[in-house]
Amino acid sequence: MTSLPALWLPILLSAVFVFVASSLIHMASPWHKGDFPKLRNQEQVMDALRPLAIPPGDYLFPRPTSREEMRSPEFAESMKRGPVVLMTVMPSGPMSMGRNLGQWFAYCLIISLLSAYVASRALPAAARFADVFRFASTTALLAYAAALWQMSIWYRRAWNLTLKATIDGLVYAAITGAVIGWLWPK
């Protein structure tokens, strides 16, 4: 076992390096440019929704209130008629990138901490780079990418978005494992 406080620098630096890599992937490359296509009649849809004053949150419709209603002919007809929508409503106004980036960095820090923790419980000080990399990067990959798949399985999120995010997660996991392995106590 390795002391977790001895890993504060690799935890911090791996979070910083992942943060920088994610910024480059999302801002300096066209990789995610087409993730969310523009709705053909976007203004018409927004004009129709605006008077409803839908509060921020996640919504699914049509949405039955019970299993009995879900089995009703009326609900089946509503599903058939469509549209069937899973929707996130965000607050109106400018997007707060500072808040989002702060939360993303905190998330990266937590994943680095958990990755270092798992490796520290399994490996001694002076462990081989490859062993540290294996434990830390696997843990980071599970945190960055594995949970995304259930959104495509259950909520029909586009698989191309999930696959791109998984590839991003592989990059972040490799960075996390490499930094923690590089700075592992000797």
Foldseek 3Di string as FASTA:
>chain_A
DEDLVLQPVLLLVLLVVLLVVVCCVPPVDCLCVPLDDDDPPNVVVCVVCVVVCDDFDWDWPPDDPDVVRCPDPVVVVDVVVDDTDTDGDDDDDDDDVVVVSVVSSVLSSVLLSVQLVQLRVVDYFVDALVSQLVSSLVSQLCSQQVVLVVCCVPVVRDVVVNVSSSVSSNVSSNSSSNSSSVSGHD
